[in-house]
Full PDB file with SEQRES, HELIX, SHEET, SSBOND, CRYST1, ORIGX, SCALE, CONECT and MASTER records, all heavy atoms in Angstrom:
SEQRES   1 A   43  LEU ASN GLN LEU ALA ALA ARG HIS VAL PRO ILE VAL VAL          
SEQRES   2 A   43  TRP GLY ALA GLN LEU PRO GLN GLN LEU TYR VAL THR VAL          
SEQRES   3 A   43  GLY SER ASP ASN VAL THR GLY GLY GLN LYS ALA THR GLU          
SEQRES   4 A   43  HIS LEU LEU GLN                                              
HELIX    1 AA1 ASN A    2  ALA A    6  1                                   5    
HELIX    2 AA2 ASN A   30  LEU A   42  1                                  13    
SHEET    1 AA1 2 VAL A  12  TRP A  14  0                                        
SHEET    2 AA1 2 VAL A  24  VAL A  26  1                                        
CRYST1    1.000    1.000    1.000  90.00  90.00  90.00 P 1           1          
ORIGX1      1.000000  0.000000  0.000000        0.00000                         
ORIGX2      0.000000  1.000000  0.000000        0.00000                         
ORIGX3      0.000000  0.000000  1.000000        0.00000                         
SCALE1      1.000000  0.000000  0.000000        0.00000                         
SCALE2      0.000000  1.000000  0.000000        0.00000                         
SCALE3      0.000000  0.000000  1.000000        0.00000                         
ATOM      1  N   LEU A   1      14.421  33.932 -15.706  1.00  0.00           N  
ATOM      2  CA  LEU A   1      14.972  33.636 -14.400  1.00  0.00           C  
ATOM      3  C   LEU A   1      16.485  33.445 -14.505  1.00  0.00           C  
ATOM      4  O   LEU A   1      17.237  33.855 -13.576  1.00  0.00           O  
ATOM      5  CB  LEU A   1      14.314  32.395 -13.774  1.00  0.00           C  
ATOM      6  CG  LEU A   1      12.816  32.555 -13.486  1.00  0.00           C  
ATOM      7  CD1 LEU A   1      12.222  31.271 -12.963  1.00  0.00           C  
ATOM      8  CD2 LEU A   1      12.582  33.692 -12.488  1.00  0.00           C  
ATOM      9  N   ASN A   2      16.994  32.828 -15.537  1.00  0.00           N  
ATOM     10  CA  ASN A   2      18.393  32.714 -15.756  1.00  0.00           C  
ATOM     11  C   ASN A   2      19.056  34.065 -15.877  1.00  0.00           C  
ATOM     12  O   ASN A   2      20.185  34.319 -15.408  1.00  0.00           O  
ATOM     13  CB  ASN A   2      18.653  31.873 -16.986  1.00  0.00           C  
ATOM     14  CG  ASN A   2      18.863  30.381 -16.628  1.00  0.00           C  
ATOM     15  OD1 ASN A   2      19.062  30.010 -15.488  1.00  0.00           O  
ATOM     16  ND2 ASN A   2      18.765  29.552 -17.655  1.00  0.00           N  
ATOM     17  N   GLN A   3      18.416  34.993 -16.560  1.00  0.00           N  
ATOM     18  CA  GLN A   3      18.885  36.354 -16.740  1.00  0.00           C  
ATOM     19  C   GLN A   3      19.053  37.075 -15.405  1.00  0.00           C  
ATOM     20  O   GLN A   3      20.004  37.766 -15.142  1.00  0.00           O  
ATOM     21  CB  GLN A   3      18.004  37.127 -17.679  1.00  0.00           C  
ATOM     22  CG  GLN A   3      18.063  36.648 -19.113  1.00  0.00           C  
ATOM     23  CD  GLN A   3      16.998  37.236 -19.982  1.00  0.00           C  
ATOM     24  OE1 GLN A   3      16.313  38.229 -19.593  1.00  0.00           O  
ATOM     25  NE2 GLN A   3      16.829  36.718 -21.220  1.00  0.00           N  
ATOM     26  N   LEU A   4      18.056  36.847 -14.524  1.00  0.00           N  
ATOM     27  CA  LEU A   4      18.109  37.453 -13.148  1.00  0.00           C  
ATOM     28  C   LEU A   4      19.309  36.888 -12.412  1.00  0.00           C  
ATOM     29  O   LEU A   4      20.030  37.677 -11.729  1.00  0.00           O  
ATOM     30  CB  LEU A   4      16.835  37.144 -12.376  1.00  0.00           C  
ATOM     31  CG  LEU A   4      15.537  37.843 -12.834  1.00  0.00           C  
ATOM     32  CD1 LEU A   4      14.409  37.441 -11.985  1.00  0.00           C  
ATOM     33  CD2 LEU A   4      15.706  39.301 -12.859  1.00  0.00           C  
ATOM     34  N   ALA A   5      19.540  35.591 -12.489  1.00  0.00           N  
ATOM     35  CA  ALA A   5      20.683  34.998 -11.818  1.00  0.00           C  
ATOM     36  C   ALA A   5      22.003  35.522 -12.372  1.00  0.00           C  
ATOM     37  O   ALA A   5      22.931  35.784 -11.634  1.00  0.00           O  
ATOM     38  CB  ALA A   5      20.607  33.447 -11.958  1.00  0.00           C  
ATOM     39  N   ALA A   6      22.035  35.712 -13.700  1.00  0.00           N  
ATOM     40  CA  ALA A   6      23.280  36.243 -14.326  1.00  0.00           C  
ATOM     41  C   ALA A   6      23.550  37.649 -13.876  1.00  0.00           C  
ATOM     42  O   ALA A   6      24.693  38.104 -13.849  1.00  0.00           O  
ATOM     43  CB  ALA A   6      23.083  36.220 -15.833  1.00  0.00           C  
ATOM     44  N   ARG A   7      22.513  38.387 -13.504  1.00  0.00           N  
ATOM     45  CA  ARG A   7      22.643  39.740 -12.979  1.00  0.00           C  
ATOM     46  C   ARG A   7      22.973  39.767 -11.487  1.00  0.00           C  
ATOM     47  O   ARG A   7      23.104  40.826 -10.908  1.00  0.00           O  
ATOM     48  CB  ARG A   7      21.314  40.538 -13.176  1.00  0.00           C  
ATOM     49  CG  ARG A   7      21.085  41.061 -14.594  1.00  0.00           C  
ATOM     50  CD  ARG A   7      19.844  41.973 -14.521  1.00  0.00           C  
ATOM     51  NE  ARG A   7      19.944  42.934 -13.451  1.00  0.00           N  
ATOM     52  CZ  ARG A   7      18.922  43.585 -12.929  1.00  0.00           C  
ATOM     53  NH1 ARG A   7      17.682  43.336 -13.387  1.00  0.00           N  
ATOM     54  NH2 ARG A   7      19.058  44.492 -11.961  1.00  0.00           N  
ATOM     55  N   HIS A   8      23.080  38.576 -10.897  1.00  0.00           N  
ATOM     56  CA  HIS A   8      23.374  38.451  -9.485  1.00  0.00           C  
ATOM     57  C   HIS A   8      22.244  38.994  -8.568  1.00  0.00           C  
ATOM     58  O   HIS A   8      22.514  39.489  -7.474  1.00  0.00           O  
ATOM     59  CB  HIS A   8      24.688  39.080  -9.101  1.00  0.00           C  
ATOM     60  CG  HIS A   8      25.839  38.531  -9.884  1.00  0.00           C  
ATOM     61  ND1 HIS A   8      26.270  37.187  -9.698  1.00  0.00           N  
ATOM     62  CD2 HIS A   8      26.599  39.010 -10.855  1.00  0.00           C  
ATOM     63  CE1 HIS A   8      27.292  36.964 -10.513  1.00  0.00           C  
ATOM     64  NE2 HIS A   8      27.483  38.057 -11.249  1.00  0.00           N  
ATOM     65  N   VAL A   9      21.018  38.889  -9.082  1.00  0.00           N  
ATOM     66  CA  VAL A   9      19.848  39.223  -8.209  1.00  0.00           C  
ATOM     67  C   VAL A   9      19.676  38.050  -7.290  1.00  0.00           C  
ATOM     68  O   VAL A   9      19.496  36.913  -7.705  1.00  0.00           O  
ATOM     69  CB  VAL A   9      18.600  39.473  -9.044  1.00  0.00           C  
ATOM     70  CG1 VAL A   9      17.375  39.625  -8.156  1.00  0.00           C  
ATOM     71  CG2 VAL A   9      18.757  40.662  -9.972  1.00  0.00           C  
ATOM     72  N   PRO A  10      19.700  38.267  -5.931  1.00  0.00           N  
ATOM     73  CA  PRO A  10      19.490  37.119  -5.030  1.00  0.00           C  
ATOM     74  C   PRO A  10      18.071  36.613  -5.060  1.00  0.00           C  
ATOM     75  O   PRO A  10      17.205  37.259  -4.453  1.00  0.00           O  
ATOM     76  CB  PRO A  10      19.890  37.751  -3.674  1.00  0.00           C  
ATOM     77  CG  PRO A  10      19.709  39.207  -3.828  1.00  0.00           C  
ATOM     78  CD  PRO A  10      19.938  39.539  -5.253  1.00  0.00           C  
ATOM     79  N   ILE A  11      17.820  35.544  -5.754  1.00  0.00           N  
ATOM     80  CA  ILE A  11      16.487  35.070  -5.904  1.00  0.00           C  
ATOM     81  C   ILE A  11      16.458  33.525  -5.787  1.00  0.00           C  
ATOM     82  O   ILE A  11      17.383  32.885  -6.318  1.00  0.00           O  
ATOM     83  CB  ILE A  11      15.894  35.495  -7.320  1.00  0.00           C  
ATOM     84  CG1 ILE A  11      14.457  35.021  -7.433  1.00  0.00           C  
ATOM     85  CG2 ILE A  11      16.715  34.972  -8.486  1.00  0.00           C  
ATOM     86  CD1 ILE A  11      13.727  35.671  -8.647  1.00  0.00           C  
ATOM     87  N   VAL A  12      15.492  33.013  -5.092  1.00  0.00           N  
ATOM     88  CA  VAL A  12      15.261  31.595  -4.975  1.00  0.00           C  
ATOM     89  C   VAL A  12      13.845  31.309  -5.442  1.00  0.00           C  
ATOM     90  O   VAL A  12      12.940  32.029  -5.069  1.00  0.00           O  
ATOM     91  CB  VAL A  12      15.512  31.084  -3.546  1.00  0.00           C  
ATOM     92  CG1 VAL A  12      15.072  29.622  -3.402  1.00  0.00           C  
ATOM     93  CG2 VAL A  12      16.966  31.257  -3.120  1.00  0.00           C  
ATOM     94  N   VAL A  13      13.718  30.294  -6.237  1.00  0.00           N  
ATOM     95  CA  VAL A  13      12.417  29.988  -6.914  1.00  0.00           C  
ATOM     96  C   VAL A  13      11.807  28.669  -6.373  1.00  0.00           C  
ATOM     97  O   VAL A  13      12.527  27.643  -6.350  1.00  0.00           O  
ATOM     98  CB  VAL A  13      12.626  29.907  -8.446  1.00  0.00           C  
ATOM     99  CG1 VAL A  13      11.298  29.630  -9.127  1.00  0.00           C  
ATOM    100  CG2 VAL A  13      13.209  31.229  -8.939  1.00  0.00           C  
ATOM    101  N   TRP A  14      10.525  28.717  -6.057  1.00  0.00           N  
ATOM    102  CA  TRP A  14       9.834  27.438  -5.800  1.00  0.00           C  
ATOM    103  C   TRP A  14       9.508  26.848  -7.131  1.00  0.00           C  
ATOM    104  O   TRP A  14       8.669  27.419  -7.896  1.00  0.00           O  
ATOM    105  CB  TRP A  14       8.584  27.688  -4.965  1.00  0.00           C  
ATOM    106  CG  TRP A  14       7.761  26.386  -4.879  1.00  0.00           C  
ATOM    107  CD1 TRP A  14       6.664  26.040  -5.602  1.00  0.00           C  
ATOM    108  CD2 TRP A  14       7.992  25.278  -3.949  1.00  0.00           C  
ATOM    109  NE1 TRP A  14       6.208  24.783  -5.257  1.00  0.00           N  
ATOM    110  CE2 TRP A  14       6.950  24.290  -4.276  1.00  0.00           C  
ATOM    111  CE3 TRP A  14       8.881  25.014  -2.985  1.00  0.00           C  
ATOM    112  CZ2 TRP A  14       6.880  23.096  -3.601  1.00  0.00           C  
ATOM    113  CZ3 TRP A  14       8.827  23.808  -2.327  1.00  0.00           C  
ATOM    114  CH2 TRP A  14       7.859  22.859  -2.601  1.00  0.00           C  
ATOM    115  N   GLY A  15      10.109  25.696  -7.485  1.00  0.00           N  
ATOM    116  CA  GLY A  15       9.816  25.138  -8.811  1.00  0.00           C  
ATOM    117  C   GLY A  15      10.689  23.919  -9.083  1.00  0.00           C  
ATOM    118  O   GLY A  15      11.273  23.305  -8.181  1.00  0.00           O  
ATOM    119  N   ALA A  16      10.725  23.568 -10.368  1.00  0.00           N  
ATOM    120  CA  ALA A  16      11.401  22.377 -10.809  1.00  0.00           C  
ATOM    121  C   ALA A  16      12.862  22.675 -11.184  1.00  0.00           C  
ATOM    122  O   ALA A  16      13.162  23.758 -11.613  1.00  0.00           O  
ATOM    123  CB  ALA A  16      10.652  21.756 -12.014  1.00  0.00           C  
ATOM    124  N   GLN A  17      13.716  21.645 -10.959  1.00  0.00           N  
ATOM    125  CA  GLN A  17      15.101  21.769 -11.470  1.00  0.00           C  
ATOM    126  C   GLN A  17      15.089  21.457 -12.948  1.00  0.00           C  
ATOM    127  O   GLN A  17      14.565  20.406 -13.365  1.00  0.00           O  
ATOM    128  CB  GLN A  17      15.981  20.805 -10.733  1.00  0.00           C  
ATOM    129  CG  GLN A  17      16.155  21.138  -9.218  1.00  0.00           C  
ATOM    130  CD  GLN A  17      17.037  20.218  -8.511  1.00  0.00           C  
ATOM    131  OE1 GLN A  17      18.044  19.735  -9.061  1.00  0.00           O  
ATOM    132  NE2 GLN A  17      16.734  19.856  -7.250  1.00  0.00           N  
ATOM    133  N   LEU A  18      15.681  22.359 -13.742  1.00  0.00           N  
ATOM    134  CA  LEU A  18      15.705  22.259 -15.181  1.00  0.00           C  
ATOM    135  C   LEU A  18      17.106  22.314 -15.755  1.00  0.00           C  
ATOM    136  O   LEU A  18      18.023  22.729 -15.083  1.00  0.00           O  
ATOM    137  CB  LEU A  18      14.879  23.420 -15.824  1.00  0.00           C  
ATOM    138  CG  LEU A  18      13.416  23.530 -15.344  1.00  0.00           C  
ATOM    139  CD1 LEU A  18      12.805  24.795 -15.929  1.00  0.00           C  
ATOM    140  CD2 LEU A  18      12.598  22.294 -15.773  1.00  0.00           C  
ATOM    141  N   PRO A  19      17.281  21.793 -16.981  1.00  0.00           N  
ATOM    142  CA  PRO A  19      18.636  21.790 -17.579  1.00  0.00           C  
ATOM    143  C   PRO A  19      19.106  23.246 -17.781  1.00  0.00           C  
ATOM    144  O   PRO A  19      18.281  24.164 -18.029  1.00  0.00           O  
ATOM    145  CB  PRO A  19      18.419  21.097 -18.909  1.00  0.00           C  
ATOM    146  CG  PRO A  19      17.186  20.241 -18.722  1.00  0.00           C  
ATOM    147  CD  PRO A  19      16.364  21.018 -17.826  1.00  0.00           C  
ATOM    148  N   GLN A  20      20.411  23.466 -17.712  1.00  0.00           N  
ATOM    149  CA  GLN A  20      21.046  24.780 -17.908  1.00  0.00           C  
ATOM    150  C   GLN A  20      20.463  25.808 -16.977  1.00  0.00           C  
ATOM    151  O   GLN A  20      20.236  26.984 -17.379  1.00  0.00           O  
ATOM    152  CB  GLN A  20      20.931  25.251 -19.365  1.00  0.00           C  
ATOM    153  CG  GLN A  20      21.791  24.508 -20.368  1.00  0.00           C  
ATOM    154  CD  GLN A  20      21.176  23.175 -20.775  1.00  0.00           C  
ATOM    155  OE1 GLN A  20      20.025  23.080 -21.180  1.00  0.00           O  
ATOM    156  NE2 GLN A  20      21.963  22.112 -20.689  1.00  0.00           N  
ATOM    157  N   GLN A  21      20.189  25.462 -15.761  1.00  0.00           N  
ATOM    158  CA  GLN A  21      19.603  26.364 -14.795  1.00  0.00           C  
ATOM    159  C   GLN A  21      20.646  27.123 -14.025  1.00  0.00           C  
ATOM    160  O   GLN A  21      21.554  26.494 -13.421  1.00  0.00           O  
ATOM    161  CB  GLN A  21      18.689  25.545 -13.828  1.00  0.00           C  
ATOM    162  CG  GLN A  21      17.998  26.421 -12.822  1.00  0.00           C  
ATOM    163  CD  GLN A  21      16.981  25.586 -12.044  1.00  0.00           C  
ATOM    164  OE1 GLN A  21      15.989  25.059 -12.631  1.00  0.00           O  
ATOM    165  NE2 GLN A  21      17.204  25.375 -10.746  1.00  0.00           N  
ATOM    166  N   LEU A  22      20.582  28.470 -13.995  1.00  0.00           N  
ATOM    167  CA  LEU A  22      21.534  29.270 -13.294  1.00  0.00           C  
ATOM    168  C   LEU A  22      21.037  29.693 -11.968  1.00  0.00           C  
ATOM    169  O   LEU A  22      21.825  30.007 -11.039  1.00  0.00           O  
ATOM    170  CB  LEU A  22      21.858  30.511 -14.131  1.00  0.00           C  
ATOM    171  CG  LEU A  22      22.467  30.254 -15.539  1.00  0.00           C  
ATOM    172  CD1 LEU A  22      22.773  31.630 -16.202  1.00  0.00           C  
ATOM    173  CD2 LEU A  22      23.782  29.478 -15.431  1.00  0.00           C  
ATOM    174  N   TYR A  23      19.767  29.792 -11.793  1.00  0.00           N  
ATOM    175  CA  TYR A  23      19.147  30.210 -10.553  1.00  0.00           C  
ATOM    176  C   TYR A  23      18.892  29.050  -9.581  1.00  0.00           C  
ATOM    177  O   TYR A  23      18.941  27.871  -9.987  1.00  0.00           O  
ATOM    178  CB  TYR A  23      17.822  30.971 -10.788  1.00  0.00           C  
ATOM    179  CG  TYR A  23      16.828  30.172 -11.618  1.00  0.00           C  
ATOM    180  CD1 TYR A  23      15.808  29.430 -10.985  1.00  0.00           C  
ATOM    181  CD2 TYR A  23      16.860  30.176 -13.008  1.00  0.00           C  
ATOM    182  CE1 TYR A  23      14.860  28.715 -11.693  1.00  0.00           C  
ATOM    183  CE2 TYR A  23      15.914  29.426 -13.726  1.00  0.00           C  
ATOM    184  CZ  TYR A  23      14.961  28.712 -13.087  1.00  0.00           C  
ATOM    185  OH  TYR A  23      14.079  27.969 -13.820  1.00  0.00           O  
ATOM    186  N   VAL A  24      18.635  29.372  -8.340  1.00  0.00           N  
ATOM    187  CA  VAL A  24      18.456  28.336  -7.276  1.00  0.00           C  
ATOM    188  C   VAL A  24      16.930  27.985  -7.149  1.00  0.00           C  
ATOM    189  O   VAL A  24      16.126  28.924  -7.101  1.00  0.00           O  
ATOM    190  CB  VAL A  24      18.961  28.836  -5.908  1.00  0.00           C  
ATOM    191  CG1 VAL A  24      18.740  27.758  -4.859  1.00  0.00           C  
ATOM    192  CG2 VAL A  24      20.465  29.236  -6.040  1.00  0.00           C  
ATOM    193  N   THR A  25      16.653  26.658  -7.133  1.00  0.00           N  
ATOM    194  CA  THR A  25      15.296  26.254  -6.927  1.00  0.00           C  
ATOM    195  C   THR A  25      15.173  25.414  -5.706  1.00  0.00           C  
ATOM    196  O   THR A  25      16.082  24.680  -5.318  1.00  0.00           O  
ATOM    197  CB  THR A  25      14.737  25.404  -8.072  1.00  0.00           C  
ATOM    198  OG1 THR A  25      15.658  24.371  -8.397  1.00  0.00           O  
ATOM    199  CG2 THR A  25      14.575  26.297  -9.348  1.00  0.00           C  
ATOM    200  N   VAL A  26      14.020  25.496  -5.084  1.00  0.00           N  
ATOM    201  CA  VAL A  26      13.560  24.547  -4.043  1.00  0.00           C  
ATOM    202  C   VAL A  26      12.221  24.069  -4.503  1.00  0.00           C  
ATOM    203  O   VAL A  26      11.354  24.833  -4.920  1.00  0.00           O  
ATOM    204  CB  VAL A  26      13.443  25.216  -2.667  1.00  0.00           C  
ATOM    205  CG1 VAL A  26      12.844  24.251  -1.660  1.00  0.00           C  
ATOM    206  CG2 VAL A  26      14.796  25.707  -2.167  1.00  0.00           C  
ATOM    207  N   GLY A  27      12.013  22.742  -4.534  1.00  0.00           N  
ATOM    208  CA  GLY A  27      10.779  22.225  -4.975  1.00  0.00           C  
ATOM    209  C   GLY A  27      10.620  20.759  -4.536  1.00  0.00           C  
ATOM    210  O   GLY A  27      11.534  20.179  -4.000  1.00  0.00           O  
ATOM    211  N   SER A  28       9.415  20.228  -4.783  1.00  0.00           N  
ATOM    212  CA  SER A  28       9.182  18.848  -4.427  1.00  0.00           C  
ATOM    213  C   SER A  28       9.551  17.908  -5.609  1.00  0.00           C  
ATOM    214  O   SER A  28       9.709  18.378  -6.756  1.00  0.00           O  
ATOM    215  CB  SER A  28       7.741  18.610  -4.009  1.00  0.00           C  
ATOM    216  OG  SER A  28       6.887  18.712  -5.129  1.00  0.00           O  
ATOM    217  N   ASP A  29       9.660  16.662  -5.317  1.00  0.00           N  
ATOM    218  CA  ASP A  29       9.996  15.648  -6.377  1.00  0.00           C  
ATOM    219  C   ASP A  29       8.774  15.373  -7.186  1.00  0.00           C  
ATOM    220  O   ASP A  29       8.050  14.398  -6.944  1.00  0.00           O  
ATOM    221  CB  ASP A  29      10.563  14.397  -5.708  1.00  0.00           C  
ATOM    222  CG  ASP A  29      11.180  13.445  -6.686  1.00  0.00           C  
ATOM    223  OD1 ASP A  29      10.912  13.602  -7.896  1.00  0.00           O  
ATOM    224  OD2 ASP A  29      11.935  12.519  -6.270  1.00  0.00           O  
ATOM    225  N   ASN A  30       8.543  16.177  -8.195  1.00  0.00           N  
ATOM    226  CA  ASN A  30       7.356  16.114  -9.032  1.00  0.00           C  
ATOM    227  C   ASN A  30       7.279  14.796  -9.837  1.00  0.00           C  
ATOM    228  O   ASN A  30       6.175  14.273 -10.048  1.00  0.00           O  
ATOM    229  CB  ASN A  30       7.262  17.323  -9.944  1.00  0.00           C  
ATOM    230  CG  ASN A  30       6.977  18.591  -9.176  1.00  0.00           C  
ATOM    231  OD1 ASN A  30       5.921  18.784  -8.654  1.00  0.00           O  
ATOM    232  ND2 ASN A  30       7.972  19.445  -9.140  1.00  0.00           N  
ATOM    233  N   VAL A  31       8.420  14.364 -10.332  1.00  0.00           N  
ATOM    234  CA  VAL A  31       8.395  13.156 -11.170  1.00  0.00           C  
ATOM    235  C   VAL A  31       7.966  11.971 -10.324  1.00  0.00           C  
ATOM    236  O   VAL A  31       7.086  11.189 -10.667  1.00  0.00           O  
ATOM    237  CB  VAL A  31       9.814  12.866 -11.792  1.00  0.00           C  
ATOM    238  CG1 VAL A  31       9.793  11.505 -12.559  1.00  0.00           C  
ATOM    239  CG2 VAL A  31      10.227  14.035 -12.718  1.00  0.00           C  
ATOM    240  N   THR A  32       8.580  11.823  -9.152  1.00  0.00           N  
ATOM    241  CA  THR A  32       8.187  10.701  -8.257  1.00  0.00           C  
ATOM    242  C   THR A  32       6.790  10.866  -7.753  1.00  0.00           C  
ATOM    243  O   THR A  32       6.020   9.911  -7.660  1.00  0.00           O  
ATOM    244  CB  THR A  32       9.142  10.694  -7.051  1.00  0.00           C  
ATOM    245  OG1 THR A  32      10.486  10.451  -7.511  1.00  0.00           O  
ATOM    246  CG2 THR A  32       8.789   9.546  -6.091  1.00  0.00           C  
ATOM    247  N   GLY A  33       6.359  12.117  -7.534  1.00  0.00           N  
ATOM    248  CA  GLY A  33       4.992  12.355  -7.094  1.00  0.00           C  
ATOM    249  C   GLY A  33       3.986  11.931  -8.119  1.00  0.00           C  
ATOM    250  O   GLY A  33       2.984  11.245  -7.840  1.00  0.00           O  
ATOM    251  N   GLY A  34       4.211  12.292  -9.379  1.00  0.00           N  
ATOM    252  CA  GLY A  34       3.315  11.889 -10.460  1.00  0.00           C  
ATOM    253  C   GLY A  34       3.337  10.361 -10.648  1.00  0.00           C  
ATOM    254  O   GLY A  34       2.286   9.745 -10.966  1.00  0.00           O  
ATOM    255  N   GLN A  35       4.483   9.748 -10.472  1.00  0.00           N  
ATOM    256  CA  GLN A  35       4.619   8.272 -10.614  1.00  0.00           C  
ATOM    257  C   GLN A  35       3.846   7.608  -9.479  1.00  0.00           C  
ATOM    258  O   GLN A  35       3.176   6.615  -9.719  1.00  0.00           O  
ATOM    259  CB  GLN A  35       6.080   7.955 -10.598  1.00  0.00           C  
ATOM    260  CG  GLN A  35       6.423   6.561 -11.092  1.00  0.00           C  
ATOM    261  CD  GLN A  35       7.888   6.390 -11.379  1.00  0.00           C  
ATOM    262  OE1 GLN A  35       8.702   7.310 -11.315  1.00  0.00           O  
ATOM    263  NE2 GLN A  35       8.252   5.138 -11.782  1.00  0.00           N  
ATOM    264  N   LYS A  36       3.965   8.086  -8.245  1.00  0.00           N  
ATOM    265  CA  LYS A  36       3.276   7.484  -7.157  1.00  0.00           C  
ATOM    266  C   LYS A  36       1.732   7.565  -7.316  1.00  0.00           C  
ATOM    267  O   LYS A  36       1.012   6.586  -7.061  1.00  0.00           O  
ATOM    268  CB  LYS A  36       3.619   8.264  -5.829  1.00  0.00           C  
ATOM    269  CG  LYS A  36       5.001   7.913  -5.300  1.00  0.00           C  
ATOM    270  CD  LYS A  36       5.253   8.721  -4.025  1.00  0.00           C  
ATOM    271  CE  LYS A  36       6.641   8.442  -3.433  1.00  0.00           C  
ATOM    272  NZ  LYS A  36       6.913   9.223  -2.208  1.00  0.00           N  
ATOM    273  N   ALA A  37       1.253   8.698  -7.775  1.00  0.00           N  
ATOM    274  CA  ALA A  37      -0.199   8.847  -8.019  1.00  0.00           C  
ATOM    275  C   ALA A  37      -0.722   7.859  -8.981  1.00  0.00           C  
ATOM    276  O   ALA A  37      -1.753   7.198  -8.817  1.00  0.00           O  
ATOM    277  CB  ALA A  37      -0.489  10.295  -8.427  1.00  0.00           C  
ATOM    278  N   THR A  38      -0.017   7.793 -10.151  1.00  0.00           N  
ATOM    279  CA  THR A  38      -0.461   6.899 -11.224  1.00  0.00           C  
ATOM    280  C   THR A  38      -0.288   5.437 -10.818  1.00  0.00           C  
ATOM    281  O   THR A  38      -1.160   4.586 -11.164  1.00  0.00           O  
ATOM    282  CB  THR A  38       0.321   7.220 -12.500  1.00  0.00           C  
ATOM    283  OG1 THR A  38       0.318   8.649 -12.732  1.00  0.00           O  
ATOM    284  CG2 THR A  38      -0.247   6.477 -13.731  1.00  0.00           C  
ATOM    285  N   GLU A  39       0.809   5.145 -10.204  1.00  0.00           N  
ATOM    286  CA  GLU A  39       1.037   3.764  -9.713  1.00  0.00           C  
ATOM    287  C   GLU A  39      -0.064   3.272  -8.765  1.00  0.00           C  
ATOM    288  O   GLU A  39      -0.542   2.114  -8.905  1.00  0.00           O  
ATOM    289  CB  GLU A  39       2.392   3.686  -9.043  1.00  0.00           C  
ATOM    290  CG  GLU A  39       2.792   2.324  -8.540  1.00  0.00           C  
ATOM    291  CD  GLU A  39       3.232   1.373  -9.626  1.00  0.00           C  
ATOM    292  OE1 GLU A  39       3.693   1.868 -10.689  1.00  0.00           O  
ATOM    293  OE2 GLU A  39       3.064   0.147  -9.430  1.00  0.00           O  
ATOM    294  N   HIS A  40      -0.476   4.178  -7.891  1.00  0.00           N  
ATOM    295  CA  HIS A  40      -1.594   3.780  -6.963  1.00  0.00           C  
ATOM    296  C   HIS A  40      -2.899   3.456  -7.727  1.00  0.00           C  
ATOM    297  O   HIS A  40      -3.530   2.500  -7.406  1.00  0.00           O  
ATOM    298  CB  HIS A  40      -1.832   4.974  -6.053  1.00  0.00           C  
ATOM    299  CG  HIS A  40      -3.126   4.926  -5.250  1.00  0.00           C  
ATOM    300  ND1 HIS A  40      -3.400   3.882  -4.299  1.00  0.00           N  
ATOM    301  CD2 HIS A  40      -4.244   5.654  -5.358  1.00  0.00           C  
ATOM    302  CE1 HIS A  40      -4.583   4.064  -3.833  1.00  0.00           C  
ATOM    303  NE2 HIS A  40      -5.158   5.134  -4.450  1.00  0.00           N  
ATOM    304  N   LEU A  41      -3.187   4.254  -8.723  1.00  0.00           N  
ATOM    305  CA  LEU A  41      -4.395   4.042  -9.509  1.00  0.00           C  
ATOM    306  C   LEU A  41      -4.305   2.724 -10.285  1.00  0.00           C  
ATOM    307  O   LEU A  41      -5.258   1.927 -10.364  1.00  0.00           O  
ATOM    308  CB  LEU A  41      -4.646   5.206 -10.434  1.00  0.00           C  
ATOM    309  CG  LEU A  41      -5.039   6.504  -9.738  1.00  0.00           C  
ATOM    310  CD1 LEU A  41      -5.009   7.655 -10.718  1.00  0.00           C  
ATOM    311  CD2 LEU A  41      -6.415   6.375  -9.132  1.00  0.00           C  
ATOM    312  N   LEU A  42      -3.093   2.424 -10.830  1.00  0.00           N  
ATOM    313  CA  LEU A  42      -2.897   1.183 -11.556  1.00  0.00           C  
ATOM    314  C   LEU A  42      -2.988  -0.017 -10.650  1.00  0.00           C  
ATOM    315  O   LEU A  42      -3.629  -1.068 -11.001  1.00  0.00           O  
ATOM    316  CB  LEU A  42      -1.554   1.228 -12.318  1.00  0.00           C  
ATOM    317  CG  LEU A  42      -1.423   2.219 -13.462  1.00  0.00           C  
ATOM    318  CD1 LEU A  42       0.079   2.398 -13.842  1.00  0.00           C  
ATOM    319  CD2 LEU A  42      -2.200   1.759 -14.643  1.00  0.00           C  
ATOM    320  N   GLN A  43      -2.417   0.122  -9.487  1.00  0.00           N  
ATOM    321  CA  GLN A  43      -2.470  -1.037  -8.534  1.00  0.00           C  
ATOM    322  C   GLN A  43      -3.869  -1.268  -8.037  1.00  0.00           C  
ATOM    323  O   GLN A  43      -4.175  -2.337  -7.543  1.00  0.00           O  
ATOM    324  CB  GLN A  43      -1.518  -0.733  -7.393  1.00  0.00           C  
ATOM    325  CG  GLN A  43      -0.067  -0.863  -7.778  1.00  0.00           C  
ATOM    326  CD  GLN A  43       0.900  -0.594  -6.632  1.00  0.00           C  
ATOM    327  OE1 GLN A  43       0.513  -0.044  -5.589  1.00  0.00           O  
ATOM    328  NE2 GLN A  43       2.198  -0.947  -6.829  1.00  0.00           N  
TER     329      GLN A  43                                                      
MASTER        0    0    0    2    2    0    0    6  328    1    0    4          
END                                                                             
């Protein structure tokens, strides 16, 4: 996906934000989501 961005292919990805990311992502807050789910079970 980074290679596609480097080629200037207009692409947007549904996914997670990652280190050294050149392409554009839209995604949900997965870390907080996982934390909420587990916290609920613990509580």
